């Protein structure tokens, strides 16, 4: 897929996939990096906490109802934020193979402002339909999500589903996810027809680039394997909150890391 094809897919569908953009070995190393941090600071050391720190950057988010087959500390984790601020996850976030494709869309100077390592352990529930810009209340829209598959993403293990073309609409109303096992801050869109949805079936190292207005969701993991992914979010470097506040100060699950700067003329 060349740049013109990527642009057409972005404009018409709100996403595109680049196969094998990182190597399977590097995908495994990224997962191992996060798992090591969790094992060094496991959830049992933070009873009752819904988000706990692990160092200056990492913020670890346990499942409300962990995998029934959980053995290791990482088997009880839903997401880890801010991985892109250090280590191999940062090196990948800054990589030209990714950043240049984001720049084709947004242009200008860019920051990676958030990352989430997403564990989808066996038996855990998915996340309902939502749009990322519902959570990113910034003065410049859209942002670009970059979903890096670190394992296979299949129908059985809870792959991502997307609704092509939904990025052309507004940010829809989101209501609280009322499922008993729903994780903190899960909301959902219930007003839109999702009959045109498509699964994003991926192999380790495949990368999905998607518009922050694109409706997407994931299903429950009914397989006996983990579905792991690293999701980066990129925005213009001069982005501010809707109220004019500097966006970098807004959230403890954001770290604004420069990834593209233009040389002065």
C-alpha atoms as a PDB file:
ATOM      1  CA  UNK A   1       0.000   0.000   0.000  1.00  0.00           C
ATOM      2  CA  UNK A   2       1.573   3.288  -1.113  1.00  0.00           C
ATOM      3  CA  UNK A   3       0.982   6.781   0.315  1.00  0.00           C
ATOM      4  CA  UNK A   4      -1.885   7.598  -2.057  1.00  0.00           C
ATOM      5  CA  UNK A   5      -3.654   4.347  -1.195  1.00  0.00           C
ATOM      6  CA  UNK A   6      -3.183   4.998   2.505  1.00  0.00           C
ATOM      7  CA  UNK A   7      -4.639   8.485   2.101  1.00  0.00           C
ATOM      8  CA  UNK A   8      -7.644   7.161   0.190  1.00  0.00           C
ATOM      9  CA  UNK A   9      -8.304   4.486   2.822  1.00  0.00           C
ATOM     10  CA  UNK A  10      -7.968   7.066   5.606  1.00  0.00           C
ATOM     11  CA  UNK A  11     -10.377   9.490   3.943  1.00  0.00           C
ATOM     12  CA  UNK A  12     -13.002   6.927   2.949  1.00  0.00           C
ATOM     13  CA  UNK A  13     -12.779   4.253   5.647  1.00  0.00           C
ATOM     14  CA  UNK A  14     -11.024   5.968   8.557  1.00  0.00           C
ATOM     15  CA  UNK A  15      -8.244   3.402   8.867  1.00  0.00           C
ATOM     16  CA  UNK A  16      -5.626   1.333   7.067  1.00  0.00           C
ATOM     17  CA  UNK A  17      -3.390  -1.611   7.984  1.00  0.00           C
ATOM     18  CA  UNK A  18       0.306  -2.026   7.215  1.00  0.00           C
ATOM     19  CA  UNK A  19       1.287  -5.677   7.466  1.00  0.00           C
ATOM     20  CA  UNK A  20       4.559  -6.703   9.116  1.00  0.00           C
ATOM     21  CA  UNK A  21       5.671  -3.178   9.969  1.00  0.00           C
ATOM     22  CA  UNK A  22       7.607  -4.446  12.960  1.00  0.00           C
ATOM     23  CA  UNK A  23       9.131  -7.902  13.344  1.00  0.00           C
ATOM     24  CA  UNK A  24       7.459 -10.672  15.383  1.00  0.00           C
ATOM     25  CA  UNK A  25      10.616 -10.871  17.530  1.00  0.00           C
ATOM     26  CA  UNK A  26      10.342  -7.187  18.370  1.00  0.00           C
ATOM     27  CA  UNK A  27       6.638  -7.589  19.103  1.00  0.00           C
ATOM     28  CA  UNK A  28       7.505 -10.318  21.610  1.00  0.00           C
ATOM     29  CA  UNK A  29      10.234  -8.159  23.153  1.00  0.00           C
ATOM     30  CA  UNK A  30       7.760  -5.289  23.648  1.00  0.00           C
ATOM     31  CA  UNK A  31       5.379  -7.586  25.491  1.00  0.00           C
ATOM     32  CA  UNK A  32       8.210  -9.006  27.598  1.00  0.00           C
ATOM     33  CA  UNK A  33       9.262  -5.469  28.580  1.00  0.00           C
ATOM     34  CA  UNK A  34       5.813  -4.674  29.974  1.00  0.00           C
ATOM     35  CA  UNK A  35       5.384  -8.054  31.662  1.00  0.00           C
ATOM     36  CA  UNK A  36       8.702  -7.597  33.494  1.00  0.00           C
ATOM     37  CA  UNK A  37       7.516  -4.263  34.919  1.00  0.00           C
ATOM     38  CA  UNK A  38       4.249  -5.802  36.106  1.00  0.00           C
ATOM     39  CA  UNK A  39       6.003  -8.731  37.776  1.00  0.00           C
ATOM     40  CA  UNK A  40       8.315  -6.303  39.558  1.00  0.00           C
ATOM     41  CA  UNK A  41       5.282  -4.405  40.894  1.00  0.00           C
ATOM     42  CA  UNK A  42       2.349  -6.856  40.906  1.00  0.00           C
ATOM     43  CA  UNK A  43      -1.323  -6.047  41.536  1.00  0.00           C
ATOM     44  CA  UNK A  44      -1.312  -7.914  44.855  1.00  0.00           C
ATOM     45  CA  UNK A  45       0.954  -5.161  46.202  1.00  0.00           C
ATOM     46  CA  UNK A  46      -1.849  -2.657  45.474  1.00  0.00           C
ATOM     47  CA  UNK A  47      -5.079  -4.221  46.818  1.00  0.00           C
ATOM     48  CA  UNK A  48      -8.211  -2.369  45.787  1.00  0.00           C
ATOM     49  CA  UNK A  49      -6.419   0.147  43.562  1.00  0.00           C
ATOM     50  CA  UNK A  50      -7.934   0.620  40.111  1.00  0.00           C
ATOM     51  CA  UNK A  51      -4.814   2.305  38.700  1.00  0.00           C
ATOM     52  CA  UNK A  52      -1.422   2.089  40.330  1.00  0.00           C
ATOM     53  CA  UNK A  53       2.022   3.454  39.433  1.00  0.00           C
ATOM     54  CA  UNK A  54       5.061   1.381  38.555  1.00  0.00           C
ATOM     55  CA  UNK A  55       7.889   3.878  38.352  1.00  0.00           C
ATOM     56  CA  UNK A  56       7.798   7.416  37.034  1.00  0.00           C
ATOM     57  CA  UNK A  57       5.750   6.628  33.934  1.00  0.00           C
ATOM     58  CA  UNK A  58       3.976   3.282  33.963  1.00  0.00           C
ATOM     59  CA  UNK A  59       0.383   3.295  35.236  1.00  0.00           C
ATOM     60  CA  UNK A  60      -1.097  -0.186  35.611  1.00  0.00           C
ATOM     61  CA  UNK A  61      -4.816  -0.868  35.330  1.00  0.00           C
ATOM     62  CA  UNK A  62      -6.020  -4.269  36.681  1.00  0.00           C
ATOM     63  CA  UNK A  63      -9.066  -6.069  35.327  1.00  0.00           C
ATOM     64  CA  UNK A  64     -12.167  -5.629  37.441  1.00  0.00           C
ATOM     65  CA  UNK A  65     -12.809  -9.342  36.943  1.00  0.00           C
ATOM     66  CA  UNK A  66      -9.515 -11.008  35.976  1.00  0.00           C
ATOM     67  CA  UNK A  67      -9.014 -14.004  33.746  1.00  0.00           C
ATOM     68  CA  UNK A  68     -10.374 -17.171  35.378  1.00  0.00           C
ATOM     69  CA  UNK A  69      -7.142 -18.921  34.389  1.00  0.00           C
ATOM     70  CA  UNK A  70      -4.885 -16.251  35.931  1.00  0.00           C
ATOM     71  CA  UNK A  71      -1.599 -17.536  37.353  1.00  0.00           C
ATOM     72  CA  UNK A  72       0.957 -14.754  36.878  1.00  0.00           C
ATOM     73  CA  UNK A  73       0.563 -11.058  37.830  1.00  0.00           C
ATOM     74  CA  UNK A  74       0.123  -9.991  34.187  1.00  0.00           C
ATOM     75  CA  UNK A  75      -2.857 -12.344  33.874  1.00  0.00           C
ATOM     76  CA  UNK A  76      -4.810  -9.946  36.114  1.00  0.00           C
ATOM     77  CA  UNK A  77      -4.026  -6.774  34.154  1.00  0.00           C
ATOM     78  CA  UNK A  78      -6.220  -4.992  31.595  1.00  0.00           C
ATOM     79  CA  UNK A  79      -3.998  -2.113  30.425  1.00  0.00           C
ATOM     80  CA  UNK A  80      -0.699  -0.396  31.136  1.00  0.00           C
ATOM     81  CA  UNK A  81      -0.447   3.310  30.276  1.00  0.00           C
ATOM     82  CA  UNK A  82       2.582   5.438  29.339  1.00  0.00           C
ATOM     83  CA  UNK A  83       4.806   2.609  28.074  1.00  0.00           C
ATOM     84  CA  UNK A  84       5.898   4.906  25.235  1.00  0.00           C
ATOM     85  CA  UNK A  85       7.800   7.147  27.655  1.00  0.00           C
ATOM     86  CA  UNK A  86      10.707   4.712  27.967  1.00  0.00           C
ATOM     87  CA  UNK A  87      12.416   1.591  26.708  1.00  0.00           C
ATOM     88  CA  UNK A  88      11.658  -0.343  23.551  1.00  0.00           C
ATOM     89  CA  UNK A  89       8.068   0.956  23.508  1.00  0.00           C
ATOM     90  CA  UNK A  90       9.424   4.491  23.174  1.00  0.00           C
ATOM     91  CA  UNK A  91      11.850   3.478  20.426  1.00  0.00           C
ATOM     92  CA  UNK A  92       8.967   2.022  18.416  1.00  0.00           C
ATOM     93  CA  UNK A  93       6.774   5.079  19.063  1.00  0.00           C
ATOM     94  CA  UNK A  94       9.518   7.290  17.605  1.00  0.00           C
ATOM     95  CA  UNK A  95      10.316   5.032  14.654  1.00  0.00           C
ATOM     96  CA  UNK A  96      10.135   6.733  11.231  1.00  0.00           C
ATOM     97  CA  UNK A  97       8.327   3.708   9.760  1.00  0.00           C
ATOM     98  CA  UNK A  98       5.392   4.661  12.010  1.00  0.00           C
ATOM     99  CA  UNK A  99       5.815   8.415  12.505  1.00  0.00           C
ATOM    100  CA  UNK A 100       6.167   9.138   8.782  1.00  0.00           C
ATOM    101  CA  UNK A 101       2.788   7.524   8.130  1.00  0.00           C
ATOM    102  CA  UNK A 102       1.189   9.571  10.893  1.00  0.00           C
ATOM    103  CA  UNK A 103       2.792  12.673   9.353  1.00  0.00           C
ATOM    104  CA  UNK A 104       1.200  11.835   5.984  1.00  0.00           C
ATOM    105  CA  UNK A 105      -2.126  12.346   7.752  1.00  0.00           C
ATOM    106  CA  UNK A 106      -1.530  15.134  10.276  1.00  0.00           C
ATOM    107  CA  UNK A 107       1.608  16.874   8.981  1.00  0.00           C
ATOM    108  CA  UNK A 108       3.574  19.339  11.084  1.00  0.00           C
ATOM    109  CA  UNK A 109       5.323  18.648  14.361  1.00  0.00           C
ATOM    110  CA  UNK A 110       4.008  15.642  16.243  1.00  0.00           C
ATOM    111  CA  UNK A 111       3.939  14.179  19.734  1.00  0.00           C
ATOM    112  CA  UNK A 112       2.965  10.753  20.946  1.00  0.00           C
ATOM    113  CA  UNK A 113       0.808  11.678  23.913  1.00  0.00           C
ATOM    114  CA  UNK A 114      -0.531   8.359  25.174  1.00  0.00           C
ATOM    115  CA  UNK A 115       0.062   4.646  24.914  1.00  0.00           C
ATOM    116  CA  UNK A 116      -1.797   1.652  26.236  1.00  0.00           C
ATOM    117  CA  UNK A 117      -0.447  -1.851  26.378  1.00  0.00           C
ATOM    118  CA  UNK A 118      -3.663  -3.873  26.198  1.00  0.00           C
ATOM    119  CA  UNK A 119      -3.822  -7.355  27.642  1.00  0.00           C
ATOM    120  CA  UNK A 120      -6.812  -9.412  26.537  1.00  0.00           C
ATOM    121  CA  UNK A 121      -6.322 -12.459  28.694  1.00  0.00           C
ATOM    122  CA  UNK A 122      -8.417 -15.624  28.250  1.00  0.00           C
ATOM    123  CA  UNK A 123     -11.946 -15.222  29.552  1.00  0.00           C
ATOM    124  CA  UNK A 124     -12.008 -11.423  29.912  1.00  0.00           C
ATOM    125  CA  UNK A 125     -14.585  -9.154  28.304  1.00  0.00           C
ATOM    126  CA  UNK A 126     -14.105  -6.772  25.400  1.00  0.00           C
ATOM    127  CA  UNK A 127     -14.618  -3.028  25.225  1.00  0.00           C
ATOM    128  CA  UNK A 128     -17.854  -1.756  23.646  1.00  0.00           C
ATOM    129  CA  UNK A 129     -18.235   0.653  20.718  1.00  0.00           C
ATOM    130  CA  UNK A 130     -16.502   3.963  21.373  1.00  0.00           C
ATOM    131  CA  UNK A 131     -14.530   6.782  19.755  1.00  0.00           C
ATOM    132  CA  UNK A 132     -11.178   7.848  21.151  1.00  0.00           C
ATOM    133  CA  UNK A 133     -11.882  11.550  20.639  1.00  0.00           C
ATOM    134  CA  UNK A 134     -14.679  11.242  23.180  1.00  0.00           C
ATOM    135  CA  UNK A 135     -11.876  10.918  25.752  1.00  0.00           C
ATOM    136  CA  UNK A 136      -9.398  13.283  24.053  1.00  0.00           C
ATOM    137  CA  UNK A 137     -11.005  16.699  24.537  1.00  0.00           C
ATOM    138  CA  UNK A 138      -8.449  18.691  22.560  1.00  0.00           C
ATOM    139  CA  UNK A 139      -8.630  21.831  20.428  1.00  0.00           C
ATOM    140  CA  UNK A 140      -7.213  20.052  17.377  1.00  0.00           C
ATOM    141  CA  UNK A 141      -8.961  17.062  15.887  1.00  0.00           C
ATOM    142  CA  UNK A 142      -8.462  14.331  14.909  1.00  0.00           C
ATOM    143  CA  UNK A 143      -5.699  12.366  16.541  1.00  0.00           C
ATOM    144  CA  UNK A 144      -4.202   9.205  15.049  1.00  0.00           C
ATOM    145  CA  UNK A 145      -4.334   5.867  16.831  1.00  0.00           C
ATOM    146  CA  UNK A 146      -1.655   3.314  15.983  1.00  0.00           C
ATOM    147  CA  UNK A 147      -2.591  -0.217  17.070  1.00  0.00           C
ATOM    148  CA  UNK A 148       0.433  -2.547  17.005  1.00  0.00           C
ATOM    149  CA  UNK A 149      -0.438  -6.244  17.157  1.00  0.00           C
ATOM    150  CA  UNK A 150       1.965  -8.016  19.521  1.00  0.00           C
ATOM    151  CA  UNK A 151       0.140 -11.331  19.169  1.00  0.00           C
ATOM    152  CA  UNK A 152      -2.379 -12.775  16.756  1.00  0.00           C
ATOM    153  CA  UNK A 153      -5.735 -10.973  16.839  1.00  0.00           C
ATOM    154  CA  UNK A 154      -8.501 -13.437  15.938  1.00  0.00           C
ATOM    155  CA  UNK A 155     -12.272 -13.714  16.174  1.00  0.00           C
ATOM    156  CA  UNK A 156     -11.828 -16.104  19.093  1.00  0.00           C
ATOM    157  CA  UNK A 157      -9.348 -14.103  21.186  1.00  0.00           C
ATOM    158  CA  UNK A 158     -11.191 -10.788  20.999  1.00  0.00           C
ATOM    159  CA  UNK A 159      -9.896  -8.924  17.966  1.00  0.00           C
ATOM    160  CA  UNK A 160     -10.695  -5.292  17.308  1.00  0.00           C
ATOM    161  CA  UNK A 161     -13.772  -4.489  15.210  1.00  0.00           C
ATOM    162  CA  UNK A 162     -14.094  -1.236  13.252  1.00  0.00           C
ATOM    163  CA  UNK A 163     -17.026   0.529  11.598  1.00  0.00           C
ATOM    164  CA  UNK A 164     -15.715   1.809   8.238  1.00  0.00           C
ATOM    165  CA  UNK A 165     -16.682   5.374   7.426  1.00  0.00           C
ATOM    166  CA  UNK A 166     -17.909   6.187  10.926  1.00  0.00           C
ATOM    167  CA  UNK A 167     -15.092   8.747  11.271  1.00  0.00           C
ATOM    168  CA  UNK A 168     -17.085  11.025   8.962  1.00  0.00           C
ATOM    169  CA  UNK A 169     -19.734  11.529  11.625  1.00  0.00           C
ATOM    170  CA  UNK A 170     -19.647  13.488  14.900  1.00  0.00           C
ATOM    171  CA  UNK A 171     -18.498  12.372  18.312  1.00  0.00           C
ATOM    172  CA  UNK A 172     -21.529  10.455  19.506  1.00  0.00           C
ATOM    173  CA  UNK A 173     -23.088  10.246  22.938  1.00  0.00           C
ATOM    174  CA  UNK A 174     -21.374   7.634  25.111  1.00  0.00           C
ATOM    175  CA  UNK A 175     -23.241   6.044  28.026  1.00  0.00           C
ATOM    176  CA  UNK A 176     -21.720   4.065  30.908  1.00  0.00           C
ATOM    177  CA  UNK A 177     -20.989   0.416  30.216  1.00  0.00           C
ATOM    178  CA  UNK A 178     -23.376  -1.312  32.635  1.00  0.00           C
ATOM    179  CA  UNK A 179     -21.897  -4.806  32.474  1.00  0.00           C
ATOM    180  CA  UNK A 180     -20.889  -5.997  35.969  1.00  0.00           C
ATOM    181  CA  UNK A 181     -17.372  -6.846  34.744  1.00  0.00           C
ATOM    182  CA  UNK A 182     -16.904  -3.517  32.904  1.00  0.00           C
ATOM    183  CA  UNK A 183     -13.618  -1.844  33.690  1.00  0.00           C
ATOM    184  CA  UNK A 184     -13.391   1.668  35.119  1.00  0.00           C
ATOM    185  CA  UNK A 185     -14.254   4.425  32.604  1.00  0.00           C
ATOM    186  CA  UNK A 186     -15.722   2.041  30.017  1.00  0.00           C
ATOM    187  CA  UNK A 187     -18.476   3.768  28.066  1.00  0.00           C
ATOM    188  CA  UNK A 188     -20.347   2.780  24.931  1.00  0.00           C
ATOM    189  CA  UNK A 189     -22.189   4.119  21.913  1.00  0.00           C
ATOM    190  CA  UNK A 190     -25.655   2.587  21.658  1.00  0.00           C
ATOM    191  CA  UNK A 191     -27.284   4.972  19.141  1.00  0.00           C
ATOM    192  CA  UNK A 192     -25.586   3.908  15.892  1.00  0.00           C
ATOM    193  CA  UNK A 193     -26.144   1.130  13.363  1.00  0.00           C
ATOM    194  CA  UNK A 194     -23.069  -1.125  13.465  1.00  0.00           C
ATOM    195  CA  UNK A 195     -24.165  -3.662  10.847  1.00  0.00           C
ATOM    196  CA  UNK A 196     -21.275  -2.686   8.514  1.00  0.00           C
ATOM    197  CA  UNK A 197     -18.635  -3.574  11.123  1.00  0.00           C
ATOM    198  CA  UNK A 198     -15.470  -5.424  10.094  1.00  0.00           C
ATOM    199  CA  UNK A 199     -12.980  -7.459  12.154  1.00  0.00           C
ATOM    200  CA  UNK A 200      -9.346  -6.355  12.187  1.00  0.00           C
ATOM    201  CA  UNK A 201      -7.622  -9.736  11.979  1.00  0.00           C
ATOM    202  CA  UNK A 202      -3.904  -9.264  12.535  1.00  0.00           C
ATOM    203  CA  UNK A 203      -0.618 -11.083  12.967  1.00  0.00           C
ATOM    204  CA  UNK A 204       2.255 -10.042  15.269  1.00  0.00           C
ATOM    205  CA  UNK A 205       3.896  -6.935  13.841  1.00  0.00           C
ATOM    206  CA  UNK A 206       0.891  -5.765  11.817  1.00  0.00           C
ATOM    207  CA  UNK A 207      -0.109  -2.150  12.498  1.00  0.00           C
ATOM    208  CA  UNK A 208      -3.537  -0.497  12.225  1.00  0.00           C
ATOM    209  CA  UNK A 209      -3.637   3.312  11.784  1.00  0.00           C
ATOM    210  CA  UNK A 210      -7.048   4.765  12.657  1.00  0.00           C
ATOM    211  CA  UNK A 211      -8.905   8.072  12.959  1.00  0.00           C
ATOM    212  CA  UNK A 212      -9.854   9.093  16.500  1.00  0.00           C
ATOM    213  CA  UNK A 213     -13.509   9.515  15.420  1.00  0.00           C
ATOM    214  CA  UNK A 214     -13.646   5.946  14.069  1.00  0.00           C
ATOM    215  CA  UNK A 215     -16.041   3.767  16.022  1.00  0.00           C
ATOM    216  CA  UNK A 216     -14.323   0.603  17.205  1.00  0.00           C
ATOM    217  CA  UNK A 217     -14.782  -2.119  19.808  1.00  0.00           C
ATOM    218  CA  UNK A 218     -13.503  -5.543  20.791  1.00  0.00           C
ATOM    219  CA  UNK A 219     -15.185  -8.800  21.690  1.00  0.00           C
ATOM    220  CA  UNK A 220     -14.634 -11.149  24.618  1.00  0.00           C
ATOM    221  CA  UNK A 221     -11.646 -13.482  24.559  1.00  0.00           C
ATOM    222  CA  UNK A 222     -13.092 -16.999  24.364  1.00  0.00           C
ATOM    223  CA  UNK A 223      -9.753 -18.553  23.341  1.00  0.00           C
ATOM    224  CA  UNK A 224      -7.029 -19.996  25.565  1.00  0.00           C
ATOM    225  CA  UNK A 225      -4.444 -17.463  24.411  1.00  0.00           C
ATOM    226  CA  UNK A 226      -3.767 -13.812  25.234  1.00  0.00           C
ATOM    227  CA  UNK A 227      -4.411 -11.112  22.644  1.00  0.00           C
ATOM    228  CA  UNK A 228      -1.799  -8.423  23.241  1.00  0.00           C
ATOM    229  CA  UNK A 229      -1.417  -5.025  21.580  1.00  0.00           C
ATOM    230  CA  UNK A 230       0.372  -1.711  22.047  1.00  0.00           C
ATOM    231  CA  UNK A 231      -1.749   1.276  21.082  1.00  0.00           C
ATOM    232  CA  UNK A 232      -0.083   4.648  20.542  1.00  0.00           C
ATOM    233  CA  UNK A 233      -1.918   7.974  20.122  1.00  0.00           C
ATOM    234  CA  UNK A 234      -0.405  10.882  18.173  1.00  0.00           C
ATOM    235  CA  UNK A 235      -1.365  14.559  17.935  1.00  0.00           C
ATOM    236  CA  UNK A 236       0.026  17.911  16.829  1.00  0.00           C
ATOM    237  CA  UNK A 237       2.727  19.112  19.209  1.00  0.00           C
ATOM    238  CA  UNK A 238       0.906  22.394  19.911  1.00  0.00           C
ATOM    239  CA  UNK A 239      -2.342  20.707  20.928  1.00  0.00           C
ATOM    240  CA  UNK A 240      -4.211  22.189  23.862  1.00  0.00           C
ATOM    241  CA  UNK A 241      -7.291  21.237  25.798  1.00  0.00           C
ATOM    242  CA  UNK A 242     -10.649  22.598  24.679  1.00  0.00           C
ATOM    243  CA  UNK A 243     -10.457  25.158  27.500  1.00  0.00           C
ATOM    244  CA  UNK A 244      -7.007  26.346  26.395  1.00  0.00           C
ATOM    245  CA  UNK A 245      -5.101  24.535  29.115  1.00  0.00           C
ATOM    246  CA  UNK A 246      -1.855  22.920  28.004  1.00  0.00           C
ATOM    247  CA  UNK A 247      -2.840  19.381  27.062  1.00  0.00           C
ATOM    248  CA  UNK A 248       0.284  17.884  28.632  1.00  0.00           C
ATOM    249  CA  UNK A 249      -1.001  18.789  32.108  1.00  0.00           C
ATOM    250  CA  UNK A 250      -4.373  17.109  31.736  1.00  0.00           C
ATOM    251  CA  UNK A 251      -3.911  13.520  32.732  1.00  0.00           C
ATOM    252  CA  UNK A 252      -1.629  11.175  34.605  1.00  0.00           C
ATOM    253  CA  UNK A 253      -2.159   8.666  31.790  1.00  0.00           C
ATOM    254  CA  UNK A 254      -0.697  11.051  29.198  1.00  0.00           C
ATOM    255  CA  UNK A 255       2.977  11.662  28.458  1.00  0.00           C
ATOM    256  CA  UNK A 256       3.650  14.107  25.604  1.00  0.00           C
ATOM    257  CA  UNK A 257       6.780  12.789  23.904  1.00  0.00           C
ATOM    258  CA  UNK A 258       8.138  14.615  20.832  1.00  0.00           C
ATOM    259  CA  UNK A 259       8.415  12.305  17.813  1.00  0.00           C
ATOM    260  CA  UNK A 260       8.675  14.733  14.876  1.00  0.00           C
ATOM    261  CA  UNK A 261      10.160  18.218  14.746  1.00  0.00           C
ATOM    262  CA  UNK A 262      10.753  20.316  11.641  1.00  0.00           C
ATOM    263  CA  UNK A 263      14.019  22.094  11.107  1.00  0.00           C
ATOM    264  CA  UNK A 264      13.849  25.877  11.051  1.00  0.00           C
ATOM    265  CA  UNK A 265      14.211  27.373   7.577  1.00  0.00           C
END
